[in-house]
Amino acid sequence: MRFITNKKDVLRKNFIFIVLLAVGIFALSSFNPVSVVETKAGTILEAPGSFNELAENASPSVVNIRTVKTIKGGGRVFRHFKKGPFGKNDPFNDFFDRFFGEERPHDFKQRSLGSGFIIGKNGYIVTNNHVVENADKIEVILKDEKEFDAEIVGRDANTDLALIKIKPDSDLPVLLFGDSDALKVGQWVIAIGNPFGLEHTVTAGIVSAKGRVIGSGPYDDFIQTDASINPGNSGGPLINMDGKVIGINTAIIAGGSGIGFAIPINLVKNIVDQLKSSGEVTRGWLGVGIQDISKQVAEYYGIKSRKGVLVTEVFPNDPAGLAGIEPQDIILSINGKDVGTAREITSMIANIGVGETVKIKVLRNGETMTFKVKIAKREETRIATRSTSKEKQTELGISVNNVTPEIARRFNLKEAKGVIVTGVEPGSKAEESGIRMHDIIKEINHNSIQTVSDLNKVISEIQKGETINMFIWRMNRGFLVLKITK
């Protein structure tokens, strides 16, 4: 140990100490929303001491959105009230008719509240589609209480996003986009919005999870947060500690506490650009039905790993079918990028330009093949009415369809695998055996049934008079075996 005996040394040490102390005090007084603690395990970010400066900087860019929608004929509730409770034979119908008259009920004005945030100083505002959809009038209120009428620039129902615009009399404060891909679970975030009409409410929490699929649409990829989100928060920003938007608050779980969902801002960027330039969103279309590869499917096809996505259906005259891709092919990669889930493929294809040619690598019967596919435009109305693999199995007297991911979610199935019964012909062998609507056919005579084609192939190979052992799954009952004589 060294002892200081020189007076000059003492003065010099004291001077250095005072300088370091001053620097430390200045650093502590500057804005640092997150305190850092060093441990043997590494750096830990502790709870911020205050969100005050962050909230003050962001709040002027957050707006309150009020809409008015016209419900024709007073809406379902009014029509139900006008009608007697016992149907057309209700003895009180004469009273209702005399009271309300024969005229059509008056239209009803429905008012609702939401949030949004400014992304362009000239008045561009991002919000949720469900906030402004079918609105007759949209009113935007800024934090300084200035009010403006807004018009819809464009909407995208698939991602629940909308771009609206006002005409301000001066430049507006804007919020910048962050990088939602760089977001980590456990990071602090704040939500700003107008829950229950309470303007500019700030709530704080952490990112609870990423990549959540909640069944709201084909492009589900939500950020889950425990920052309090309530009705009226829809369309407001979820902000990181740098003051940048990393998500748009969109959904809550009914009855849930501390569970809210936000659309990742990286998904929003491209959509907003398209809405601004053309008022609509154009997405790529491959023309296949797909599902994730389960452990059982991997074993069935002899796949060592569960990488890739199974093609369950190929729509005729669409890109994949025209290129040569077939049902039961396993898509391994697109343009050299490996794919692991159906959601990844859906998102990748959607972001590929219409008319572009992509290389799709598939596994078929143990061999890898590559197809060049020219991407088409995804048209929602055509897809919704497109013919699927729904067929009638006349020998058994049932109508069947492939189990799609949507059907799997509806019936709480772990995987989209099998064939669902969509109709049973009265008096048929199927009805006599006990088959019901919505039964899921998993196997026939120990043969795995994954598609309608599988079912037809197995049935065709069974001789007349032989027994068909049908292994099915029925909601609220579990697995059953039903016997039918062909």
Protein backbone atom coordinates (compact mmCIF):
# COMPACT_ATOMS: atom_id res chain seq x y z
CA MET A 1 0.00 0.00 0.00
CA ARG A 2 1.29 3.43 -0.98
CA PHE A 3 0.97 6.37 1.44
CA ILE A 4 0.82 9.96 0.07
CA THR A 5 3.17 12.30 1.98
CA ASN A 6 3.79 15.04 -0.60
CA LYS A 7 1.46 18.08 -0.25
CA LYS A 8 1.39 18.65 -4.03
CA ASP A 9 0.33 15.06 -4.51
CA VAL A 10 -2.52 15.58 -2.07
CA LEU A 11 -3.73 18.70 -3.89
CA ARG A 12 -3.46 16.98 -7.26
CA LYS A 13 -5.48 13.96 -6.03
CA ASN A 14 -8.15 16.20 -4.52
CA PHE A 15 -8.46 18.14 -7.78
CA ILE A 16 -8.90 14.93 -9.78
CA PHE A 17 -11.52 13.66 -7.31
CA ILE A 18 -13.51 16.92 -7.58
CA VAL A 19 -13.45 16.76 -11.41
CA LEU A 20 -14.62 13.13 -11.43
CA LEU A 21 -17.36 13.93 -8.91
CA ALA A 22 -18.63 16.79 -11.09
CA VAL A 23 -18.67 14.57 -14.18
CA GLY A 24 -20.63 11.93 -12.24
CA ILE A 25 -23.23 14.44 -11.02
CA PHE A 26 -23.68 15.77 -14.58
CA ALA A 27 -24.15 12.26 -15.95
CA LEU A 28 -26.76 11.43 -13.33
CA SER A 29 -28.66 14.65 -14.02
CA SER A 30 -28.86 13.92 -17.78
CA PHE A 31 -31.75 11.85 -19.22
CA ASN A 32 -31.12 8.15 -18.83
CA PRO A 33 -34.44 6.27 -18.66
CA VAL A 34 -32.93 2.88 -17.85
CA SER A 35 -30.46 2.22 -15.05
CA VAL A 36 -27.77 -0.39 -15.61
CA VAL A 37 -26.43 -2.89 -13.10
CA GLU A 38 -23.30 -4.94 -13.72
CA THR A 39 -23.33 -8.47 -12.31
CA LYS A 40 -21.27 -11.61 -12.79
CA ALA A 41 -24.00 -12.82 -15.19
CA GLY A 42 -23.74 -9.67 -17.31
CA THR A 43 -25.59 -6.37 -17.72
CA ILE A 44 -29.13 -6.10 -16.36
CA LEU A 45 -31.49 -3.29 -17.39
CA GLU A 46 -33.50 -2.21 -14.36
CA ALA A 47 -36.88 -0.42 -14.34
CA PRO A 48 -36.66 3.17 -15.60
CA GLY A 49 -36.79 5.80 -12.91
CA SER A 50 -39.23 7.89 -14.96
CA PHE A 51 -40.93 7.89 -18.37
CA ASN A 52 -41.67 11.60 -18.12
CA GLU A 53 -39.36 12.97 -20.80
CA LEU A 54 -40.12 10.09 -23.16
CA ALA A 55 -43.87 10.65 -22.81
CA GLU A 56 -43.59 14.44 -23.19
CA ASN A 57 -41.59 14.09 -26.41
CA ALA A 58 -43.93 11.51 -27.99
CA SER A 59 -47.38 12.71 -26.86
CA PRO A 60 -47.74 15.67 -29.28
CA SER A 61 -47.59 13.19 -32.18
CA VAL A 62 -50.38 10.98 -30.79
CA VAL A 63 -53.93 11.86 -31.81
CA ASN A 64 -57.46 11.10 -30.70
CA ILE A 65 -59.71 9.76 -33.48
CA ARG A 66 -63.49 10.03 -33.30
CA THR A 67 -65.71 8.45 -35.90
CA VAL A 68 -69.40 8.36 -36.77
CA LYS A 69 -70.91 5.37 -38.56
CA THR A 70 -74.45 5.05 -39.83
CA ILE A 71 -76.20 1.80 -38.90
CA LYS A 72 -78.95 1.32 -41.47
CA GLY A 73 -82.45 0.66 -40.14
CA GLY A 74 -81.39 1.15 -36.55
CA GLY A 75 -79.20 -1.96 -36.59
CA ARG A 76 -79.75 -5.50 -35.41
CA VAL A 77 -80.63 -4.50 -31.84
CA PHE A 78 -83.36 -2.10 -32.95
CA ARG A 79 -84.90 -4.62 -35.37
CA HIS A 80 -84.89 -7.26 -32.65
CA PHE A 81 -86.62 -4.85 -30.28
CA LYS A 82 -89.27 -3.95 -32.84
CA LYS A 83 -90.11 -7.60 -33.42
CA GLY A 84 -92.15 -9.44 -30.78
CA PRO A 85 -90.30 -12.07 -28.73
CA PHE A 86 -92.40 -14.99 -30.03
CA GLY A 87 -91.89 -14.60 -33.78
CA LYS A 88 -94.50 -13.86 -36.44
CA ASN A 89 -97.28 -15.51 -34.38
CA ASP A 90 -96.62 -13.30 -31.38
CA PRO A 91 -99.95 -11.90 -30.13
CA PHE A 92 -98.16 -8.67 -29.25
CA ASN A 93 -97.11 -8.02 -32.87
CA ASP A 94 -100.16 -5.82 -33.42
CA PHE A 95 -99.04 -3.69 -30.49
CA PHE A 96 -95.50 -3.40 -31.90
CA ASP A 97 -96.82 -2.48 -35.33
CA ARG A 98 -99.11 0.19 -33.93
CA PHE A 99 -96.35 1.59 -31.72
CA PHE A 100 -93.53 1.60 -34.25
CA GLY A 101 -95.60 1.80 -37.41
CA GLU A 102 -94.98 0.04 -40.70
CA GLU A 103 -92.19 2.37 -41.73
CA ARG A 104 -88.58 1.29 -41.78
CA PRO A 105 -86.81 2.21 -38.51
CA HIS A 106 -84.64 5.31 -38.61
CA ASP A 107 -80.91 4.98 -39.21
CA PHE A 108 -78.77 4.95 -36.09
CA LYS A 109 -75.57 6.97 -35.68
CA GLN A 110 -72.85 4.97 -33.93
CA ARG A 111 -69.93 6.89 -32.43
CA SER A 112 -66.60 5.34 -31.55
CA LEU A 113 -63.15 6.34 -30.34
CA GLY A 114 -59.64 5.32 -31.29
CA SER A 115 -56.05 6.50 -31.47
CA GLY A 116 -53.42 7.17 -34.09
CA PHE A 117 -50.05 8.83 -34.53
CA ILE A 118 -48.58 11.32 -36.98
CA ILE A 119 -45.94 10.05 -39.43
CA GLY A 120 -45.89 13.01 -41.82
CA LYS A 121 -45.61 16.67 -40.86
CA ASN A 122 -48.08 17.40 -43.67
CA GLY A 123 -50.81 15.39 -41.91
CA TYR A 124 -50.40 11.66 -42.60
CA ILE A 125 -51.62 9.56 -39.65
CA VAL A 126 -51.45 5.79 -39.06
CA THR A 127 -54.22 3.97 -37.21
CA ASN A 128 -56.11 0.66 -37.22
CA ASN A 129 -58.48 -0.25 -40.03
CA HIS A 130 -61.21 -1.18 -37.55
CA VAL A 131 -61.08 2.33 -36.09
CA VAL A 132 -62.09 4.04 -39.37
CA GLU A 133 -63.74 1.26 -41.41
CA ASN A 134 -67.17 2.24 -42.79
CA ALA A 135 -66.96 5.63 -41.05
CA ASP A 136 -69.07 8.44 -42.46
CA LYS A 137 -67.09 11.07 -40.61
CA ILE A 138 -63.57 10.96 -39.12
CA GLU A 139 -62.42 13.65 -36.73
CA VAL A 140 -58.84 13.98 -35.47
CA ILE A 141 -58.04 15.87 -32.25
CA LEU A 142 -54.43 16.86 -31.58
CA LYS A 143 -52.93 17.21 -28.12
CA ASP A 144 -53.27 21.00 -28.35
CA GLU A 145 -57.03 20.36 -28.84
CA LYS A 146 -57.06 21.49 -32.47
CA GLU A 147 -59.63 19.52 -34.45
CA PHE A 148 -59.50 18.45 -38.09
CA ASP A 149 -61.66 16.39 -40.42
CA ALA A 150 -59.73 13.44 -41.87
CA GLU A 151 -60.04 11.44 -45.06
CA ILE A 152 -59.00 7.83 -45.65
CA VAL A 153 -55.95 7.48 -47.91
CA GLY A 154 -56.04 3.68 -47.88
CA ARG A 155 -56.94 0.67 -45.75
CA ASP A 156 -55.70 -2.92 -45.41
CA ALA A 157 -58.14 -5.20 -43.62
CA ASN A 158 -55.74 -8.17 -43.61
CA THR A 159 -53.33 -6.42 -41.26
CA ASP A 160 -55.89 -4.06 -39.70
CA LEU A 161 -53.98 -0.97 -40.81
CA ALA A 162 -55.21 2.33 -42.22
CA LEU A 163 -53.62 5.57 -43.39
CA ILE A 164 -55.62 8.77 -42.99
CA LYS A 165 -54.77 12.42 -43.66
CA ILE A 166 -55.69 15.81 -42.29
CA LYS A 167 -54.87 19.29 -43.65
CA PRO A 168 -53.00 21.12 -40.89
CA ASP A 169 -52.27 24.83 -40.95
CA SER A 170 -48.63 24.24 -39.98
CA ASP A 171 -46.07 21.44 -39.78
CA LEU A 172 -46.93 18.69 -37.29
CA PRO A 173 -44.61 16.80 -34.91
CA VAL A 174 -43.97 13.24 -36.13
CA LEU A 175 -42.93 9.93 -34.60
CA LEU A 176 -40.14 7.94 -36.20
CA PHE A 177 -40.25 4.22 -36.95
CA GLY A 178 -37.94 1.93 -35.01
CA ASP A 179 -36.85 -1.64 -35.77
CA SER A 180 -39.25 -4.23 -34.37
CA ASP A 181 -36.98 -7.09 -35.48
CA ALA A 182 -34.35 -5.85 -33.04
CA LEU A 183 -36.84 -5.82 -30.18
CA LYS A 184 -36.08 -8.25 -27.35
CA VAL A 185 -38.47 -9.93 -24.97
CA GLY A 186 -38.22 -8.16 -21.60
CA GLN A 187 -37.44 -4.71 -23.00
CA TRP A 188 -39.37 -1.73 -21.65
CA VAL A 189 -42.02 -0.06 -23.82
CA ILE A 190 -44.74 2.54 -23.34
CA ALA A 191 -48.17 2.78 -24.96
CA ILE A 192 -49.85 6.13 -25.59
CA GLY A 193 -53.49 6.48 -26.60
CA ASN A 194 -57.01 7.36 -25.60
CA PRO A 195 -58.43 4.41 -23.63
CA PHE A 196 -62.15 4.87 -22.91
CA GLY A 197 -61.81 8.37 -24.38
CA LEU A 198 -59.29 9.45 -21.73
CA GLU A 199 -56.98 11.49 -23.92
CA HIS A 200 -53.22 10.96 -24.01
CA THR A 201 -52.97 8.23 -21.41
CA VAL A 202 -49.48 6.75 -20.97
CA THR A 203 -48.95 3.18 -19.76
CA ALA A 204 -45.70 1.28 -19.39
CA GLY A 205 -44.64 -2.35 -19.42
CA ILE A 206 -42.35 -4.81 -21.11
CA VAL A 207 -42.39 -6.87 -24.28
CA SER A 208 -43.90 -10.15 -23.09
CA ALA A 209 -43.49 -12.14 -26.33
CA LYS A 210 -42.97 -11.80 -30.08
CA GLY A 211 -44.48 -13.54 -33.08
CA ARG A 212 -47.85 -14.17 -31.46
CA VAL A 213 -50.57 -15.71 -33.67
CA ILE A 214 -54.02 -14.86 -32.33
CA GLY A 215 -56.17 -15.90 -35.29
CA SER A 216 -57.04 -12.39 -36.46
CA GLY A 217 -55.75 -12.82 -40.02
CA PRO A 218 -53.27 -14.49 -42.39
CA TYR A 219 -50.41 -12.21 -41.38
CA ASP A 220 -50.54 -12.55 -37.59
CA ASP A 221 -47.17 -11.70 -36.09
CA PHE A 222 -48.01 -9.69 -33.00
CA ILE A 223 -45.87 -8.19 -30.26
CA GLN A 224 -47.36 -9.11 -26.88
CA THR A 225 -46.96 -6.57 -24.08
CA ASP A 226 -48.18 -6.07 -20.54
CA ALA A 227 -48.33 -2.30 -21.02
CA SER A 228 -52.00 -1.65 -20.31
CA ILE A 229 -54.06 -1.47 -23.53
CA ASN A 230 -57.81 -0.84 -23.42
CA PRO A 231 -60.65 0.07 -25.82
CA GLY A 232 -59.71 3.39 -27.38
CA ASN A 233 -55.99 2.54 -27.48
CA SER A 234 -56.42 0.94 -30.90
CA GLY A 235 -54.15 2.58 -33.46
CA GLY A 236 -51.88 4.22 -30.90
CA PRO A 237 -48.10 3.71 -30.83
CA LEU A 238 -46.04 1.28 -28.79
CA ILE A 239 -42.76 3.10 -28.19
CA ASN A 240 -39.29 1.89 -27.17
CA MET A 241 -36.87 3.66 -24.87
CA ASP A 242 -35.36 5.52 -27.83
CA GLY A 243 -38.71 7.20 -28.43
CA LYS A 244 -39.34 5.33 -31.69
CA VAL A 245 -42.47 3.42 -32.67
CA ILE A 246 -41.94 -0.35 -32.70
CA GLY A 247 -45.60 -1.39 -32.84
CA ILE A 248 -49.21 -0.28 -33.29
CA ASN A 249 -51.53 -1.19 -30.42
CA THR A 250 -54.31 -3.27 -31.90
CA ALA A 251 -55.89 -6.02 -29.83
CA ILE A 252 -56.67 -7.19 -26.33
CA ILE A 253 -57.97 -10.47 -24.97
CA ALA A 254 -61.46 -10.19 -23.54
CA GLY A 255 -61.24 -10.70 -19.80
CA GLY A 256 -57.45 -10.79 -19.94
CA SER A 257 -55.36 -8.63 -17.66
CA GLY A 258 -51.94 -7.41 -18.75
CA ILE A 259 -52.17 -8.96 -22.22
CA GLY A 260 -52.17 -6.65 -25.23
CA PHE A 261 -51.02 -7.02 -28.82
CA ALA A 262 -49.32 -4.67 -31.25
CA ILE A 263 -48.55 -4.94 -34.98
CA PRO A 264 -44.74 -4.91 -35.48
CA ILE A 265 -43.66 -1.68 -37.15
CA ASN A 266 -41.48 -3.53 -39.69
CA LEU A 267 -44.68 -5.06 -41.09
CA VAL A 268 -46.30 -1.63 -41.13
CA LYS A 269 -43.58 0.20 -43.10
CA ASN A 270 -44.15 -1.45 -46.49
CA ILE A 271 -47.93 -1.35 -46.13
CA VAL A 272 -47.97 2.36 -45.27
CA ASP A 273 -45.74 3.11 -48.29
CA GLN A 274 -48.15 1.25 -50.59
CA LEU A 275 -51.21 2.93 -49.09
CA LYS A 276 -49.61 6.32 -49.52
CA SER A 277 -48.65 5.72 -53.15
CA SER A 278 -51.68 3.80 -54.45
CA GLY A 279 -54.29 3.60 -51.69
CA GLU A 280 -54.18 -0.20 -51.63
CA VAL A 281 -51.85 -3.08 -50.81
CA THR A 282 -50.70 -5.54 -53.47
CA ARG A 283 -49.44 -8.94 -52.30
CA GLY A 284 -47.88 -11.91 -54.00
CA TRP A 285 -49.81 -15.16 -54.46
CA LEU A 286 -48.36 -18.67 -54.81
CA GLY A 287 -51.57 -20.68 -55.07
CA VAL A 288 -51.07 -23.47 -52.53
CA GLY A 289 -52.51 -24.70 -49.26
CA ILE A 290 -49.76 -25.32 -46.72
CA GLN A 291 -49.23 -26.48 -43.15
CA ASP A 292 -46.37 -26.86 -40.69
CA ILE A 293 -44.63 -30.21 -40.46
CA SER A 294 -45.50 -32.03 -37.25
CA LYS A 295 -43.45 -34.79 -35.68
CA GLN A 296 -45.87 -37.37 -37.08
CA VAL A 297 -45.71 -35.95 -40.60
CA ALA A 298 -41.91 -35.88 -40.45
CA GLU A 299 -41.86 -39.55 -39.43
CA TYR A 300 -44.40 -40.46 -42.11
CA TYR A 301 -42.29 -38.88 -44.86
CA GLY A 302 -39.00 -40.05 -43.39
CA ILE A 303 -37.72 -36.51 -42.79
CA LYS A 304 -34.89 -36.35 -40.28
CA SER A 305 -35.64 -32.75 -39.36
CA ARG A 306 -38.94 -30.86 -39.28
CA LYS A 307 -37.65 -28.06 -41.50
CA GLY A 308 -39.88 -27.05 -44.35
CA VAL A 309 -43.61 -26.72 -45.00
CA LEU A 310 -45.98 -29.36 -46.38
CA VAL A 311 -48.06 -28.52 -49.45
CA THR A 312 -51.57 -29.82 -48.76
CA GLU A 313 -53.27 -28.41 -51.83
CA VAL A 314 -52.33 -26.89 -55.19
CA PHE A 315 -54.91 -24.65 -56.85
CA PRO A 316 -55.27 -25.23 -60.61
CA ASN A 317 -54.09 -22.53 -63.01
CA ASP A 318 -52.20 -20.70 -60.27
CA PRO A 319 -48.42 -20.07 -60.09
CA ALA A 320 -47.34 -23.15 -58.09
CA GLY A 321 -49.44 -25.59 -60.11
CA LEU A 322 -48.35 -24.11 -63.43
CA ALA A 323 -44.70 -24.45 -62.36
CA GLY A 324 -45.10 -28.14 -61.44
CA ILE A 325 -45.40 -28.12 -57.65
CA GLU A 326 -47.67 -30.89 -56.37
CA PRO A 327 -49.60 -31.75 -53.17
CA GLN A 328 -47.43 -33.46 -50.52
CA ASP A 329 -44.30 -31.67 -51.79
CA ILE A 330 -42.33 -30.17 -48.91
CA ILE A 331 -41.16 -26.60 -49.53
CA LEU A 332 -37.63 -26.23 -48.15
CA SER A 333 -36.58 -22.77 -49.31
CA ILE A 334 -37.59 -19.74 -51.36
CA ASN A 335 -34.84 -17.91 -53.26
CA GLY A 336 -32.28 -19.74 -51.14
CA LYS A 337 -33.83 -18.72 -47.81
CA ASP A 338 -34.89 -21.66 -45.64
CA VAL A 339 -38.49 -21.75 -44.45
CA GLY A 340 -39.70 -23.39 -41.25
CA THR A 341 -43.37 -22.48 -40.86
CA ALA A 342 -46.42 -21.84 -43.01
CA ARG A 343 -46.62 -18.33 -41.57
CA GLU A 344 -43.09 -17.57 -42.82
CA ILE A 345 -43.98 -18.63 -46.38
CA THR A 346 -47.21 -16.62 -46.35
CA SER A 347 -45.33 -13.52 -45.25
CA MET A 348 -42.44 -14.03 -47.68
CA ILE A 349 -44.67 -14.56 -50.72
CA ALA A 350 -46.88 -11.61 -49.77
CA ASN A 351 -43.86 -9.31 -49.87
CA ILE A 352 -42.64 -10.50 -53.29
CA GLY A 353 -43.58 -8.28 -56.20
CA VAL A 354 -46.26 -9.43 -58.62
CA GLY A 355 -44.63 -10.82 -61.77
CA GLU A 356 -41.34 -11.67 -60.09
CA THR A 357 -39.92 -15.19 -60.58
CA VAL A 358 -38.73 -17.04 -57.51
CA LYS A 359 -36.85 -20.31 -57.07
CA ILE A 360 -38.67 -22.73 -54.79
CA LYS A 361 -36.82 -25.80 -53.56
CA VAL A 362 -38.99 -28.77 -52.59
CA LEU A 363 -38.56 -32.31 -51.33
CA ARG A 364 -40.55 -34.93 -53.27
CA ASN A 365 -40.29 -38.67 -52.59
CA GLY A 366 -36.92 -38.20 -50.95
CA GLU A 367 -35.45 -36.12 -53.79
CA THR A 368 -34.91 -32.36 -53.89
CA MET A 369 -36.24 -30.41 -56.86
CA THR A 370 -36.21 -26.71 -57.74
CA PHE A 371 -39.05 -24.92 -59.54
CA LYS A 372 -39.16 -21.43 -61.01
CA VAL A 373 -42.47 -19.84 -60.08
CA LYS A 374 -43.83 -16.55 -61.41
CA ILE A 375 -45.69 -14.86 -58.56
CA ALA A 376 -49.24 -13.65 -59.23
CA LYS A 377 -51.34 -11.00 -57.50
CA ARG A 378 -53.24 -12.08 -54.42
CA GLU A 379 -56.90 -11.22 -54.93
CA GLU A 380 -58.88 -11.67 -51.72
CA THR A 381 -62.33 -11.96 -53.31
CA ARG A 382 -61.16 -14.63 -55.75
CA ILE A 383 -59.35 -16.56 -53.02
CA ALA A 384 -62.38 -16.47 -50.73
CA THR A 385 -64.59 -18.09 -53.38
CA ARG A 386 -61.92 -20.41 -54.79
CA SER A 387 -62.81 -24.06 -55.09
CA THR A 388 -60.92 -26.15 -52.57
CA SER A 389 -60.59 -29.91 -52.18
CA LYS A 390 -64.14 -30.21 -50.95
CA GLU A 391 -65.61 -33.35 -52.50
CA LYS A 392 -68.47 -35.74 -52.06
CA GLN A 393 -67.54 -39.32 -51.27
CA THR A 394 -70.57 -40.96 -52.90
CA GLU A 395 -69.75 -44.51 -51.85
CA LEU A 396 -69.98 -43.56 -48.20
CA GLY A 397 -72.48 -40.72 -48.46
CA ILE A 398 -70.35 -37.93 -46.96
CA SER A 399 -68.95 -34.59 -48.10
CA VAL A 400 -65.37 -33.93 -47.02
CA ASN A 401 -62.73 -31.23 -47.07
CA ASN A 402 -59.08 -30.94 -46.12
CA VAL A 403 -58.38 -29.66 -42.61
CA THR A 404 -56.92 -26.21 -43.19
CA PRO A 405 -55.03 -24.14 -40.60
CA GLU A 406 -58.21 -22.06 -40.15
CA ILE A 407 -60.27 -25.21 -39.46
CA ALA A 408 -57.58 -26.48 -37.09
CA ARG A 409 -57.77 -23.24 -35.07
CA ARG A 410 -61.56 -23.32 -35.03
CA PHE A 411 -61.68 -26.86 -33.67
CA ASN A 412 -58.66 -26.39 -31.39
CA LEU A 413 -56.56 -28.98 -33.25
CA LYS A 414 -52.82 -29.06 -32.67
CA GLU A 415 -52.12 -29.44 -36.39
CA ALA A 416 -53.86 -29.00 -39.74
CA LYS A 417 -53.91 -32.66 -40.67
CA GLY A 418 -56.71 -34.96 -41.77
CA VAL A 419 -60.08 -34.66 -43.53
CA ILE A 420 -63.17 -33.04 -42.05
CA VAL A 421 -66.71 -34.24 -42.69
CA THR A 422 -68.73 -31.30 -44.01
CA GLY A 423 -71.97 -33.17 -44.75
CA VAL A 424 -73.66 -36.56 -44.15
CA GLU A 425 -76.31 -37.82 -46.58
CA PRO A 426 -79.51 -38.97 -44.80
CA GLY A 427 -79.95 -42.75 -44.92
CA SER A 428 -76.38 -43.34 -46.13
CA LYS A 429 -73.96 -45.93 -44.81
CA ALA A 430 -72.03 -43.14 -43.13
CA GLU A 431 -75.10 -41.95 -41.21
CA GLU A 432 -75.97 -45.52 -40.17
CA SER A 433 -72.43 -46.02 -38.84
CA GLY A 434 -72.65 -42.89 -36.69
CA ILE A 435 -70.49 -40.45 -38.65
CA ARG A 436 -71.39 -36.82 -37.92
CA MET A 437 -70.71 -33.38 -39.31
CA HIS A 438 -67.30 -32.00 -38.26
CA ASP A 439 -65.80 -35.45 -37.51
CA ILE A 440 -62.09 -35.44 -38.41
CA ILE A 441 -61.04 -38.58 -40.32
CA LYS A 442 -57.48 -39.46 -39.31
CA GLU A 443 -57.03 -43.03 -40.57
CA ILE A 444 -58.85 -45.69 -42.59
CA ASN A 445 -57.81 -49.31 -41.98
CA HIS A 446 -54.57 -48.00 -40.42
CA ASN A 447 -53.79 -45.87 -43.49
CA SER A 448 -53.02 -42.25 -42.57
CA ILE A 449 -55.51 -39.80 -44.10
CA GLN A 450 -54.03 -36.35 -44.55
CA THR A 451 -55.93 -35.10 -47.59
CA VAL A 452 -59.12 -35.75 -49.53
CA SER A 453 -56.97 -37.44 -52.19
CA ASP A 454 -55.67 -39.88 -49.56
CA LEU A 455 -59.23 -40.75 -48.51
CA ASN A 456 -60.40 -41.38 -52.07
CA LYS A 457 -57.36 -43.52 -52.86
CA VAL A 458 -57.78 -45.72 -49.78
CA ILE A 459 -61.55 -46.13 -50.30
CA SER A 460 -61.05 -47.11 -53.95
CA GLU A 461 -58.70 -49.94 -52.93
CA ILE A 462 -61.21 -51.51 -50.52
CA GLN A 463 -63.37 -54.22 -52.11
CA LYS A 464 -67.16 -54.21 -51.95
CA GLY A 465 -68.39 -56.04 -48.87
CA GLU A 466 -65.18 -55.43 -46.92
CA THR A 467 -65.15 -53.55 -43.63
CA ILE A 468 -63.93 -49.97 -43.44
CA ASN A 469 -62.50 -49.16 -40.01
CA MET A 470 -62.57 -45.39 -39.72
CA PHE A 471 -60.41 -43.80 -37.01
CA ILE A 472 -61.86 -40.35 -36.32
CA TRP A 473 -61.55 -37.48 -33.85
CA ARG A 474 -64.72 -35.83 -32.57
CA MET A 475 -64.84 -32.61 -30.59
CA ASN A 476 -65.67 -33.18 -26.90
CA ARG A 477 -65.43 -36.95 -27.41
CA GLY A 478 -61.86 -37.63 -28.54
CA PHE A 479 -60.89 -40.52 -30.81
CA LEU A 480 -63.48 -43.03 -32.04
CA VAL A 481 -63.46 -46.04 -34.39
CA LEU A 482 -66.50 -46.45 -36.62
CA LYS A 483 -67.15 -49.46 -38.88
CA ILE A 484 -68.75 -49.27 -42.33
CA THR A 485 -69.32 -52.10 -44.78
CA LYS A 486 -68.53 -51.01 -48.31
